[in-house]
PDB file of N, CA and C in Angstrom:
ATOM      1  N   UNK A   1     124.615 102.510  70.441  1.00  0.00           N
ATOM      2  CA  UNK A   1     125.250 103.770  71.285  1.00  0.00           C
ATOM      3  C   UNK A   1     124.066 104.103  71.918  1.00  0.00           C
ATOM      4  N   UNK A   2     122.916 104.404  71.018  1.00  0.00           N
ATOM      5  CA  UNK A   2     121.383 104.458  71.685  1.00  0.00           C
ATOM      6  C   UNK A   2     121.163 103.615  72.814  1.00  0.00           C
ATOM      7  N   UNK A   3     121.204 102.508  72.406  1.00  0.00           N
ATOM      8  CA  UNK A   3     120.789 101.057  72.931  1.00  0.00           C
ATOM      9  C   UNK A   3     121.094 101.687  74.571  1.00  0.00           C
ATOM     10  N   UNK A   4     122.871 101.619  74.709  1.00  0.00           N
ATOM     11  CA  UNK A   4     123.265 101.856  75.686  1.00  0.00           C
ATOM     12  C   UNK A   4     122.821 102.915  76.570  1.00  0.00           C
ATOM     13  N   UNK A   5     122.269 104.387  76.010  1.00  0.00           N
ATOM     14  CA  UNK A   5     121.814 105.462  76.728  1.00  0.00           C
ATOM     15  C   UNK A   5     120.416 105.349  77.384  1.00  0.00           C
ATOM     16  N   UNK A   6     119.929 104.374  76.386  1.00  0.00           N
ATOM     17  CA  UNK A   6     118.549 104.006  77.020  1.00  0.00           C
ATOM     18  C   UNK A   6     118.249 103.049  77.960  1.00  0.00           C
ATOM     19  N   UNK A   7     119.333 102.223  78.253  1.00  0.00           N
ATOM     20  CA  UNK A   7     119.159 101.055  79.357  1.00  0.00           C
ATOM     21  C   UNK A   7     120.152 101.860  80.590  1.00  0.00           C
ATOM     22  N   UNK A   8     121.131 102.424  80.138  1.00  0.00           N
ATOM     23  CA  UNK A   8     121.214 103.799  81.350  1.00  0.00           C
ATOM     24  C   UNK A   8     119.897 104.450  81.689  1.00  0.00           C
ATOM     25  N   UNK A   9     119.366 105.004  81.018  1.00  0.00           N
ATOM     26  CA  UNK A   9     118.282 105.986  81.916  1.00  0.00           C
ATOM     27  C   UNK A   9     117.173 104.806  82.319  1.00  0.00           C
ATOM     28  N   UNK A  10     116.781 103.563  82.157  1.00  0.00           N
ATOM     29  CA  UNK A  10     116.019 102.957  82.882  1.00  0.00           C
ATOM     30  C   UNK A  10     116.883 102.438  84.279  1.00  0.00           C
ATOM     31  N   UNK A  11     117.943 102.160  84.081  1.00  0.00           N
ATOM     32  CA  UNK A  11     118.726 102.029  85.194  1.00  0.00           C
ATOM     33  C   UNK A  11     118.642 102.906  86.440  1.00  0.00           C
ATOM     34  N   UNK A  12     118.545 104.084  85.807  1.00  0.00           N
ATOM     35  CA  UNK A  12     118.536 105.502  86.819  1.00  0.00           C
ATOM     36  C   UNK A  12     117.130 105.661  87.544  1.00  0.00           C
ATOM     37  N   UNK A  13     116.122 105.000  86.570  1.00  0.00           N
ATOM     38  CA  UNK A  13     114.789 105.737  87.035  1.00  0.00           C
ATOM     39  C   UNK A  13     114.216 104.272  87.633  1.00  0.00           C
ATOM     40  N   UNK A  14     114.631 103.207  87.323  1.00  0.00           N
ATOM     41  CA  UNK A  14     114.268 102.150  88.323  1.00  0.00           C
ATOM     42  C   UNK A  14     113.969 102.255  89.575  1.00  0.00           C
ATOM     43  N   UNK A  15     115.101 102.762  90.398  1.00  0.00           N
ATOM     44  CA  UNK A  15     114.650 102.757  91.787  1.00  0.00           C
ATOM     45  C   UNK A  15     114.034 103.992  92.448  1.00  0.00           C
ATOM     46  N   UNK A  16     113.401 105.057  91.233  1.00  0.00           N
ATOM     47  CA  UNK A  16     112.404 105.983  91.920  1.00  0.00           C
ATOM     48  C   UNK A  16     111.058 105.098  91.572  1.00  0.00           C
ATOM     49  N   UNK A  17     110.895 104.415  90.491  1.00  0.00           N
ATOM     50  CA  UNK A  17     109.742 103.483  90.327  1.00  0.00           C
ATOM     51  C   UNK A  17     109.557 102.855  91.501  1.00  0.00           C
ATOM     52  N   UNK A  18     110.382 102.081  92.022  1.00  0.00           N
ATOM     53  CA  UNK A  18     110.444 100.918  93.515  1.00  0.00           C
ATOM     54  C   UNK A  18     110.130 101.861  94.924  1.00  0.00           C
ATOM     55  N   UNK A  19     110.215 103.087  95.126  1.00  0.00           N
ATOM     56  CA  UNK A  19     110.300 104.147  96.230  1.00  0.00           C
ATOM     57  C   UNK A  19     109.136 103.835  96.580  1.00  0.00           C
ATOM     58  N   UNK A  20     108.486 104.041  97.865  1.00  0.00           N
ATOM     59  CA  UNK A  20     107.280 104.251  98.696  1.00  0.00           C
ATOM     60  C   UNK A  20     106.658 105.403  97.937  1.00  0.00           C
ATOM     61  N   UNK A  21     105.613 105.105  98.043  1.00  0.00           N
ATOM     62  CA  UNK A  21     104.675 106.600  97.765  1.00  0.00           C
ATOM     63  C   UNK A  21     104.955 107.562  99.220  1.00  0.00           C
ATOM     64  N   UNK A  22     104.653 108.842  98.660  1.00  0.00           N
ATOM     65  CA  UNK A  22     104.904 109.660  99.893  1.00  0.00           C
ATOM     66  C   UNK A  22     103.576 110.372 100.241  1.00  0.00           C
ATOM     67  N   UNK A  23     103.374 109.908 101.691  1.00  0.00           N
ATOM     68  CA  UNK A  23     102.309 110.371 102.131  1.00  0.00           C
ATOM     69  C   UNK A  23     101.779 111.274 102.827  1.00  0.00           C
ATOM     70  N   UNK A  24     103.141 112.248 103.233  1.00  0.00           N
ATOM     71  CA  UNK A  24     102.908 113.510 103.426  1.00  0.00           C
ATOM     72  C   UNK A  24     101.807 114.563 103.322  1.00  0.00           C
ATOM     73  N   UNK A  25     100.770 115.121 103.982  1.00  0.00           N
ATOM     74  CA  UNK A  25      99.743 116.092 103.730  1.00  0.00           C
ATOM     75  C   UNK A  25      99.045 115.497 104.727  1.00  0.00           C
ATOM     76  N   UNK A  26      97.335 116.281 104.200  1.00  0.00           N
ATOM     77  CA  UNK A  26      96.553 116.120 105.193  1.00  0.00           C
ATOM     78  C   UNK A  26      95.719 115.111 104.418  1.00  0.00           C
ATOM     79  N   UNK A  27      95.240 114.153 104.972  1.00  0.00           N
ATOM     80  CA  UNK A  27      94.322 113.214 104.495  1.00  0.00           C
ATOM     81  C   UNK A  27      92.997 113.337 105.621  1.00  0.00           C
ATOM     82  N   UNK A  28      92.033 113.180 104.378  1.00  0.00           N
ATOM     83  CA  UNK A  28      90.802 112.617 105.438  1.00  0.00           C
ATOM     84  C   UNK A  28      90.286 111.155 105.589  1.00  0.00           C
ATOM     85  N   UNK A  29      90.266 111.080 106.207  1.00  0.00           N
ATOM     86  CA  UNK A  29      90.124 109.328 106.624  1.00  0.00           C
ATOM     87  C   UNK A  29      88.960 109.141 107.134  1.00  0.00           C
ATOM     88  N   UNK A  30      88.081 108.177 106.569  1.00  0.00           N
ATOM     89  CA  UNK A  30      86.456 107.727 106.923  1.00  0.00           C
ATOM     90  C   UNK A  30      86.610 106.089 107.117  1.00  0.00           C
ATOM     91  N   UNK A  31      86.236 105.880 108.558  1.00  0.00           N
ATOM     92  CA  UNK A  31      86.085 104.539 108.837  1.00  0.00           C
ATOM     93  C   UNK A  31      84.668 104.163 109.425  1.00  0.00           C
ATOM     94  N   UNK A  32      83.950 102.909 108.714  1.00  0.00           N
ATOM     95  CA  UNK A  32      82.984 102.718 108.926  1.00  0.00           C
ATOM     96  C   UNK A  32      83.254 101.287 109.904  1.00  0.00           C
ATOM     97  N   UNK A  33      82.462 100.841 110.732  1.00  0.00           N
ATOM     98  CA  UNK A  33      82.313  99.385 111.367  1.00  0.00           C
ATOM     99  C   UNK A  33      80.895  98.831 110.991  1.00  0.00           C
ATOM    100  N   UNK A  34      80.985  98.010 110.703  1.00  0.00           N
ATOM    101  CA  UNK A  34      79.663  96.989 110.250  1.00  0.00           C
ATOM    102  C   UNK A  34      78.532  98.115 109.859  1.00  0.00           C
ATOM    103  N   UNK A  35      78.741  99.192 109.445  1.00  0.00           N
ATOM    104  CA  UNK A  35      77.724 100.010 109.334  1.00  0.00           C
ATOM    105  C   UNK A  35      76.689 100.760 110.239  1.00  0.00           C
ATOM    106  N   UNK A  36      77.224 100.838 111.549  1.00  0.00           N
ATOM    107  CA  UNK A  36      76.678 101.123 112.819  1.00  0.00           C
ATOM    108  C   UNK A  36      77.252 102.523 113.006  1.00  0.00           C
ATOM    109  N   UNK A  37      79.156 101.975 113.277  1.00  0.00           N
ATOM    110  CA  UNK A  37      79.843 103.205 113.590  1.00  0.00           C
ATOM    111  C   UNK A  37      80.665 104.001 112.385  1.00  0.00           C
ATOM    112  N   UNK A  38      80.268 105.392 112.335  1.00  0.00           N
ATOM    113  CA  UNK A  38      80.855 105.666 110.866  1.00  0.00           C
ATOM    114  C   UNK A  38      81.727 107.352 111.373  1.00  0.00           C
ATOM    115  N   UNK A  39      83.019 107.262 111.086  1.00  0.00           N
ATOM    116  CA  UNK A  39      83.665 108.761 111.192  1.00  0.00           C
ATOM    117  C   UNK A  39      84.212 108.804 110.549  1.00  0.00           C
ATOM    118  N   UNK A  40      84.820 110.143 110.700  1.00  0.00           N
ATOM    119  CA  UNK A  40      85.661 110.799 109.424  1.00  0.00           C
ATOM    120  C   UNK A  40      86.802 111.944 110.450  1.00  0.00           C
ATOM    121  N   UNK A  41      88.203 111.716 110.104  1.00  0.00           N
ATOM    122  CA  UNK A  41      89.145 111.806 111.039  1.00  0.00           C
ATOM    123  C   UNK A  41      90.110 112.553 110.147  1.00  0.00           C
ATOM    124  N   UNK A  42      90.884 113.903 110.475  1.00  0.00           N
ATOM    125  CA  UNK A  42      91.709 114.391 109.565  1.00  0.00           C
ATOM    126  C   UNK A  42      93.219 114.301 109.897  1.00  0.00           C
ATOM    127  N   UNK A  43      94.136 113.518 109.518  1.00  0.00           N
ATOM    128  CA  UNK A  43      95.232 113.040 109.655  1.00  0.00           C
ATOM    129  C   UNK A  43      96.160 113.864 108.972  1.00  0.00           C
ATOM    130  N   UNK A  44      97.294 114.569 109.514  1.00  0.00           N
ATOM    131  CA  UNK A  44      98.289 115.638 108.933  1.00  0.00           C
ATOM    132  C   UNK A  44      99.762 114.423 109.160  1.00  0.00           C
ATOM    133  N   UNK A  45      99.455 113.846 107.900  1.00  0.00           N
ATOM    134  CA  UNK A  45     101.234 113.104 108.218  1.00  0.00           C
ATOM    135  C   UNK A  45     102.526 113.746 107.653  1.00  0.00           C
ATOM    136  N   UNK A  46     103.561 113.130 108.305  1.00  0.00           N
ATOM    137  CA  UNK A  46     104.926 113.926 107.605  1.00  0.00           C
ATOM    138  C   UNK A  46     105.445 112.775 107.651  1.00  0.00           C
ATOM    139  N   UNK A  47     106.187 112.131 106.489  1.00  0.00           N
ATOM    140  CA  UNK A  47     107.025 111.267 105.845  1.00  0.00           C
ATOM    141  C   UNK A  47     108.361 111.501 106.028  1.00  0.00           C
ATOM    142  N   UNK A  48     109.238 110.440 106.673  1.00  0.00           N
ATOM    143  CA  UNK A  48     110.467 110.314 106.612  1.00  0.00           C
ATOM    144  C   UNK A  48     110.966 108.664 106.068  1.00  0.00           C
ATOM    145  N   UNK A  49     111.249 108.740 105.162  1.00  0.00           N
ATOM    146  CA  UNK A  49     111.473 107.433 104.253  1.00  0.00           C
ATOM    147  C   UNK A  49     110.609 106.690 104.437  1.00  0.00           C
ATOM    148  N   UNK A  50     110.432 105.318 104.775  1.00  0.00           N
ATOM    149  CA  UNK A  50     109.181 104.591 104.951  1.00  0.00           C
ATOM    150  C   UNK A  50     108.575 104.475 106.022  1.00  0.00           C
ATOM    151  N   UNK A  51     108.591 105.528 107.054  1.00  0.00           N
ATOM    152  CA  UNK A  51     107.709 105.703 108.266  1.00  0.00           C
ATOM    153  C   UNK A  51     107.150 107.013 108.145  1.00  0.00           C
ATOM    154  N   UNK A  52     106.207 107.263 108.821  1.00  0.00           N
ATOM    155  CA  UNK A  52     105.385 108.569 108.727  1.00  0.00           C
ATOM    156  C   UNK A  52     104.537 108.442 110.086  1.00  0.00           C
ATOM    157  N   UNK A  53     104.228 109.726 110.868  1.00  0.00           N
ATOM    158  CA  UNK A  53     103.379 109.935 111.808  1.00  0.00           C
ATOM    159  C   UNK A  53     102.676 111.049 111.621  1.00  0.00           C
ATOM    160  N   UNK A  54     101.678 111.640 112.594  1.00  0.00           N
ATOM    161  CA  UNK A  54     101.189 112.971 112.769  1.00  0.00           C
ATOM    162  C   UNK A  54      99.938 112.684 113.518  1.00  0.00           C
ATOM    163  N   UNK A  55      99.736 113.617 113.774  1.00  0.00           N
ATOM    164  CA  UNK A  55      98.253 113.488 114.668  1.00  0.00           C
ATOM    165  C   UNK A  55      96.818 113.238 113.335  1.00  0.00           C
ATOM    166  N   UNK A  56      96.109 112.683 114.213  1.00  0.00           N
ATOM    167  CA  UNK A  56      94.605 112.600 113.472  1.00  0.00           C
ATOM    168  C   UNK A  56      93.564 113.406 114.126  1.00  0.00           C
ATOM    169  N   UNK A  57      92.717 113.890 113.648  1.00  0.00           N
ATOM    170  CA  UNK A  57      91.960 114.812 114.818  1.00  0.00           C
ATOM    171  C   UNK A  57      90.605 114.349 113.940  1.00  0.00           C
ATOM    172  N   UNK A  58      89.501 114.071 114.943  1.00  0.00           N
ATOM    173  CA  UNK A  58      87.772 113.634 114.376  1.00  0.00           C
ATOM    174  C   UNK A  58      87.253 114.994 115.271  1.00  0.00           C
ATOM    175  N   UNK A  59      86.995 115.896 114.641  1.00  0.00           N
ATOM    176  CA  UNK A  59      86.314 117.008 115.849  1.00  0.00           C
ATOM    177  C   UNK A  59      84.845 116.744 116.307  1.00  0.00           C
ATOM    178  N   UNK A  60      83.993 115.693 115.466  1.00  0.00           N
ATOM    179  CA  UNK A  60      82.979 115.600 115.958  1.00  0.00           C
ATOM    180  C   UNK A  60      82.872 114.923 116.926  1.00  0.00           C
ATOM    181  N   UNK A  61      84.122 114.077 117.846  1.00  0.00           N
ATOM    182  CA  UNK A  61      84.097 113.472 119.124  1.00  0.00           C
ATOM    183  C   UNK A  61      85.282 113.976 119.636  1.00  0.00           C
ATOM    184  N   UNK A  62      85.674 114.798 119.178  1.00  0.00           N
ATOM    185  CA  UNK A  62      87.101 115.621 119.953  1.00  0.00           C
ATOM    186  C   UNK A  62      88.161 114.777 120.418  1.00  0.00           C
ATOM    187  N   UNK A  63      88.385 113.742 119.163  1.00  0.00           N
ATOM    188  CA  UNK A  63      89.940 113.220 119.388  1.00  0.00           C
ATOM    189  C   UNK A  63      90.682 113.599 118.533  1.00  0.00           C
ATOM    190  N   UNK A  64      91.487 113.707 119.033  1.00  0.00           N
ATOM    191  CA  UNK A  64      92.938 113.697 118.801  1.00  0.00           C
ATOM    192  C   UNK A  64      94.381 113.255 119.081  1.00  0.00           C
ATOM    193  N   UNK A  65      94.533 112.303 118.070  1.00  0.00           N
ATOM    194  CA  UNK A  65      95.615 111.136 118.499  1.00  0.00           C
ATOM    195  C   UNK A  65      96.609 111.249 117.828  1.00  0.00           C
ATOM    196  N   UNK A  66      98.004 110.513 118.218  1.00  0.00           N
ATOM    197  CA  UNK A  66      99.198 110.509 117.400  1.00  0.00           C
ATOM    198  C   UNK A  66      98.980 109.124 116.571  1.00  0.00           C
ATOM    199  N   UNK A  67      99.119 109.310 115.134  1.00  0.00           N
ATOM    200  CA  UNK A  67      99.046 107.915 114.758  1.00  0.00           C
ATOM    201  C   UNK A  67     100.726 107.814 113.839  1.00  0.00           C
ATOM    202  N   UNK A  68     100.779 106.484 113.671  1.00  0.00           N
ATOM    203  CA  UNK A  68     102.146 106.079 113.189  1.00  0.00           C
ATOM    204  C   UNK A  68     102.061 105.167 112.078  1.00  0.00           C
ATOM    205  N   UNK A  69     102.852 105.365 111.258  1.00  0.00           N
ATOM    206  CA  UNK A  69     102.972 103.988 110.059  1.00  0.00           C
ATOM    207  C   UNK A  69     104.083 103.651 109.483  1.00  0.00           C
ATOM    208  N   UNK A  70     103.573 103.230 108.306  1.00  0.00           N
ATOM    209  CA  UNK A  70     104.499 102.772 107.534  1.00  0.00           C
ATOM    210  C   UNK A  70     104.408 102.499 105.975  1.00  0.00           C
ATOM    211  N   UNK A  71     105.088 102.785 105.251  1.00  0.00           N
ATOM    212  CA  UNK A  71     104.417 102.362 103.450  1.00  0.00           C
ATOM    213  C   UNK A  71     105.693 101.588 102.899  1.00  0.00           C
ATOM    214  N   UNK A  72     105.233 100.806 102.146  1.00  0.00           N
ATOM    215  CA  UNK A  72     106.277  99.661 101.428  1.00  0.00           C
ATOM    216  C   UNK A  72     105.517  99.561 100.027  1.00  0.00           C
ATOM    217  N   UNK A  73     106.324 100.467  99.217  1.00  0.00           N
ATOM    218  CA  UNK A  73     105.707 100.306  97.950  1.00  0.00           C
ATOM    219  C   UNK A  73     104.343 101.050  97.822  1.00  0.00           C
ATOM    220  N   UNK A  74     103.126 100.215  97.533  1.00  0.00           N
ATOM    221  CA  UNK A  74     101.948 100.783  97.620  1.00  0.00           C
ATOM    222  C   UNK A  74     101.152 100.284  98.931  1.00  0.00           C
ATOM    223  N   UNK A  75     101.774  99.431  99.686  1.00  0.00           N
ATOM    224  CA  UNK A  75     101.214  98.864 100.892  1.00  0.00           C
ATOM    225  C   UNK A  75     101.413  99.974 102.026  1.00  0.00           C
ATOM    226  N   UNK A  76     100.299 100.318 103.080  1.00  0.00           N
ATOM    227  CA  UNK A  76      99.949 101.314 104.063  1.00  0.00           C
ATOM    228  C   UNK A  76      99.690 100.860 105.097  1.00  0.00           C
ATOM    229  N   UNK A  77     100.543 101.127 106.143  1.00  0.00           N
ATOM    230  CA  UNK A  77     100.307 100.515 107.654  1.00  0.00           C
ATOM    231  C   UNK A  77      99.922 101.664 108.522  1.00  0.00           C
ATOM    232  N   UNK A  78      99.264 102.106 109.544  1.00  0.00           N
ATOM    233  CA  UNK A  78      99.506 103.442 110.278  1.00  0.00           C
ATOM    234  C   UNK A  78      98.140 102.569 111.823  1.00  0.00           C
ATOM    235  N   UNK A  79      98.412 102.833 112.351  1.00  0.00           N
ATOM    236  CA  UNK A  79      97.748 102.961 113.963  1.00  0.00           C
ATOM    237  C   UNK A  79      97.844 103.949 114.959  1.00  0.00           C
ATOM    238  N   UNK A  80      96.847 104.103 115.967  1.00  0.00           N
ATOM    239  CA  UNK A  80      96.681 104.828 116.959  1.00  0.00           C
ATOM    240  C   UNK A  80      95.804 104.485 117.804  1.00  0.00           C
ATOM    241  N   UNK A  81      96.164 104.891 119.787  1.00  0.00           N
ATOM    242  CA  UNK A  81      95.273 104.391 120.272  1.00  0.00           C
ATOM    243  C   UNK A  81      94.408 105.280 120.505  1.00  0.00           C
ATOM    244  N   UNK A  82      93.139 104.907 120.801  1.00  0.00           N
ATOM    245  CA  UNK A  82      91.972 105.792 120.923  1.00  0.00           C
ATOM    246  C   UNK A  82      91.066 105.437 122.276  1.00  0.00           C
ATOM    247  N   UNK A  83      89.842 106.069 122.494  1.00  0.00           N
ATOM    248  CA  UNK A  83      89.184 105.188 123.262  1.00  0.00           C
ATOM    249  C   UNK A  83      87.671 105.349 122.620  1.00  0.00           C
ATOM    250  N   UNK A  84      86.955 104.369 122.973  1.00  0.00           N
ATOM    251  CA  UNK A  84      85.233 104.533 122.282  1.00  0.00           C
ATOM    252  C   UNK A  84      84.159 104.467 123.534  1.00  0.00           C
ATOM    253  N   UNK A  85      83.308 104.856 123.823  1.00  0.00           N
ATOM    254  CA  UNK A  85      82.547 104.748 124.996  1.00  0.00           C
ATOM    255  C   UNK A  85      83.302 104.588 126.446  1.00  0.00           C
ATOM    256  N   UNK A  86      84.344 105.055 126.453  1.00  0.00           N
ATOM    257  CA  UNK A  86      85.112 105.278 127.369  1.00  0.00           C
ATOM    258  C   UNK A  86      86.172 104.077 127.884  1.00  0.00           C
ATOM    259  N   UNK A  87      86.214 103.107 126.817  1.00  0.00           N
ATOM    260  CA  UNK A  87      87.256 101.861 126.437  1.00  0.00           C
ATOM    261  C   UNK A  87      88.352 102.320 125.654  1.00  0.00           C
ATOM    262  N   UNK A  88      89.429 101.598 126.322  1.00  0.00           N
ATOM    263  CA  UNK A  88      90.766 101.832 125.217  1.00  0.00           C
ATOM    264  C   UNK A  88      90.610 100.966 124.112  1.00  0.00           C
ATOM    265  N   UNK A  89      90.992 101.495 122.986  1.00  0.00           N
ATOM    266  CA  UNK A  89      91.336 100.695 121.717  1.00  0.00           C
ATOM    267  C   UNK A  89      92.394 100.895 120.856  1.00  0.00           C
ATOM    268  N   UNK A  90      92.973 100.070 120.462  1.00  0.00           N
ATOM    269  CA  UNK A  90      93.973 100.408 119.301  1.00  0.00           C
ATOM    270  C   UNK A  90      93.394 100.287 118.223  1.00  0.00           C
ATOM    271  N   UNK A  91      93.902 101.207 117.073  1.00  0.00           N
ATOM    272  CA  UNK A  91      93.065 100.996 115.939  1.00  0.00           C
ATOM    273  C   UNK A  91      94.236 100.650 114.858  1.00  0.00           C
ATOM    274  N   UNK A  92      94.326  99.428 113.882  1.00  0.00           N
ATOM    275  CA  UNK A  92      95.304  99.439 112.912  1.00  0.00           C
ATOM    276  C   UNK A  92      94.553  99.510 111.575  1.00  0.00           C
ATOM    277  N   UNK A  93      95.014 100.218 110.742  1.00  0.00           N
ATOM    278  CA  UNK A  93      94.383 100.780 109.516  1.00  0.00           C
ATOM    279  C   UNK A  93      95.846  99.910 108.842  1.00  0.00           C
ATOM    280  N   UNK A  94      95.197  99.239 107.721  1.00  0.00           N
ATOM    281  CA  UNK A  94      95.857  98.367 106.773  1.00  0.00           C
ATOM    282  C   UNK A  94      95.225  98.478 105.330  1.00  0.00           C
ATOM    283  N   UNK A  95      96.260  98.613 104.597  1.00  0.00           N
ATOM    284  CA  UNK A  95      95.455  99.068 103.207  1.00  0.00           C
ATOM    285  C   UNK A  95      96.347  99.159 102.003  1.00  0.00           C
ATOM    286  N   UNK A  96      95.965  99.778 100.820  1.00  0.00           N
ATOM    287  CA  UNK A  96      96.750  99.883  99.873  1.00  0.00           C
ATOM    288  C   UNK A  96      96.244 101.103  98.982  1.00  0.00           C
ATOM    289  N   UNK A  97      97.546 101.794  98.505  1.00  0.00           N
ATOM    290  CA  UNK A  97      97.186 102.859  97.376  1.00  0.00           C
ATOM    291  C   UNK A  97      96.273 103.128  96.451  1.00  0.00           C
ATOM    292  N   UNK A  98      95.727 103.715  96.036  1.00  0.00           N
ATOM    293  CA  UNK A  98      94.726 102.957  94.866  1.00  0.00           C
ATOM    294  C   UNK A  98      95.180 103.889  93.914  1.00  0.00           C
ATOM    295  N   UNK A  99      94.790 103.612  92.427  1.00  0.00           N
ATOM    296  CA  UNK A  99      95.403 104.278  91.226  1.00  0.00           C
ATOM    297  C   UNK A  99      94.892 105.738  91.235  1.00  0.00           C
ATOM    298  N   UNK A 100      93.855 106.151  91.771  1.00  0.00           N
ATOM    299  CA  UNK A 100      93.622 107.599  91.896  1.00  0.00           C
ATOM    300  C   UNK A 100      94.034 108.199  93.149  1.00  0.00           C
ATOM    301  N   UNK A 101      95.191 107.861  93.606  1.00  0.00           N
ATOM    302  CA  UNK A 101      95.741 108.258  94.815  1.00  0.00           C
ATOM    303  C   UNK A 101      95.054 108.246  96.353  1.00  0.00           C
ATOM    304  N   UNK A 102      93.772 107.549  96.638  1.00  0.00           N
ATOM    305  CA  UNK A 102      93.548 107.601  97.588  1.00  0.00           C
ATOM    306  C   UNK A 102      93.999 105.852  98.166  1.00  0.00           C
ATOM    307  N   UNK A 103      93.563 106.279  99.474  1.00  0.00           N
ATOM    308  CA  UNK A 103      93.879 104.366 100.336  1.00  0.00           C
ATOM    309  C   UNK A 103      92.391 103.949  99.932  1.00  0.00           C
ATOM    310  N   UNK A 104      92.814 102.653 100.713  1.00  0.00           N
ATOM    311  CA  UNK A 104      91.295 101.975 100.923  1.00  0.00           C
ATOM    312  C   UNK A 104      91.987 100.887 101.997  1.00  0.00           C
ATOM    313  N   UNK A 105      91.577 100.028 102.785  1.00  0.00           N
ATOM    314  CA  UNK A 105      91.768  98.996 103.306  1.00  0.00           C
ATOM    315  C   UNK A 105      90.793  98.653 104.466  1.00  0.00           C
ATOM    316  N   UNK A 106      91.041  97.957 105.750  1.00  0.00           N
ATOM    317  CA  UNK A 106      90.850  97.264 106.770  1.00  0.00           C
ATOM    318  C   UNK A 106      91.003  97.920 108.114  1.00  0.00           C
ATOM    319  N   UNK A 107      90.219  98.194 109.110  1.00  0.00           N
ATOM    320  CA  UNK A 107      90.575  98.309 110.253  1.00  0.00           C
ATOM    321  C   UNK A 107      90.257  97.586 111.440  1.00  0.00           C
ATOM    322  N   UNK A 108      91.342  97.178 112.215  1.00  0.00           N
ATOM    323  CA  UNK A 108      91.826  95.713 112.962  1.00  0.00           C
ATOM    324  C   UNK A 108      91.329  96.627 114.399  1.00  0.00           C
ATOM    325  N   UNK A 109      90.698  96.132 115.167  1.00  0.00           N
ATOM    326  CA  UNK A 109      90.822  96.389 116.285  1.00  0.00           C
ATOM    327  C   UNK A 109      91.307  95.198 117.708  1.00  0.00           C
ATOM    328  N   UNK A 110      91.259  94.202 116.905  1.00  0.00           N
ATOM    329  CA  UNK A 110      91.349  93.349 117.853  1.00  0.00           C
ATOM    330  C   UNK A 110      89.797  92.709 118.220  1.00  0.00           C
ATOM    331  N   UNK A 111      88.840  93.162 117.913  1.00  0.00           N
ATOM    332  CA  UNK A 111      87.295  92.619 118.172  1.00  0.00           C
ATOM    333  C   UNK A 111      86.894  92.823 116.696  1.00  0.00           C
ATOM    334  N   UNK A 112      85.522  93.982 116.780  1.00  0.00           N
ATOM    335  CA  UNK A 112      85.023  94.029 115.366  1.00  0.00           C
ATOM    336  C   UNK A 112      86.256  94.434 114.043  1.00  0.00           C
ATOM    337  N   UNK A 113      85.962  94.307 113.037  1.00  0.00           N
ATOM    338  CA  UNK A 113      86.739  94.846 111.847  1.00  0.00           C
ATOM    339  C   UNK A 113      85.966  95.861 111.348  1.00  0.00           C
ATOM    340  N   UNK A 114      86.544  96.794 110.787  1.00  0.00           N
ATOM    341  CA  UNK A 114      85.894  97.953 110.098  1.00  0.00           C
ATOM    342  C   UNK A 114      86.751  98.013 108.542  1.00  0.00           C
ATOM    343  N   UNK A 115      86.423  98.976 107.953  1.00  0.00           N
ATOM    344  CA  UNK A 115      86.902  99.390 106.371  1.00  0.00           C
ATOM    345  C   UNK A 115      87.135 100.962 106.577  1.00  0.00           C
ATOM    346  N   UNK A 116      88.059 101.502 105.683  1.00  0.00           N
ATOM    347  CA  UNK A 116      88.525 102.577 105.903  1.00  0.00           C
ATOM    348  C   UNK A 116      88.873 103.136 104.111  1.00  0.00           C
ATOM    349  N   UNK A 117      88.389 104.214 103.869  1.00  0.00           N
ATOM    350  CA  UNK A 117      88.944 105.329 102.707  1.00  0.00           C
ATOM    351  C   UNK A 117      89.512 106.350 103.017  1.00  0.00           C
ATOM    352  N   UNK A 118      90.364 106.725 102.372  1.00  0.00           N
ATOM    353  CA  UNK A 118      91.049 107.900 103.017  1.00  0.00           C
ATOM    354  C   UNK A 118      91.954 108.963 101.662  1.00  0.00           C
ATOM    355  N   UNK A 119      91.600 109.827 101.514  1.00  0.00           N
ATOM    356  CA  UNK A 119      91.885 111.039 100.478  1.00  0.00           C
ATOM    357  C   UNK A 119      92.310 112.305 100.671  1.00  0.00           C
ATOM    358  N   UNK A 120      93.127 112.708  99.681  1.00  0.00           N
ATOM    359  CA  UNK A 120      93.814 113.984 100.491  1.00  0.00           C
ATOM    360  C   UNK A 120      92.938 115.218  99.998  1.00  0.00           C
TER     361      UNK A 120
END
């Protein structure tokens, strides 16, 4: 009987372990491109299911963009349209949730590739 109760408890907890991380909240996203361009944006995400969205603001260059993304387990992807030196650019962030709760990954632009970290 005890084994049956333990098995039932494990089955109930298994879906919770398989759920995607909740990224809702305020994140400081630090991006670097080949050590030349460095920035920090503050993103406020609201998650619904596997999708999340919210504004990302970089006060140093007056950027305010709307990010959209998705999370699957520990894998995280989000992106937004911005401009750099007057040119339109789409930034795609692809990374993973780290053991300490931060995010780490790469930034694709269709040109130069960067790296990012993000912390709550």
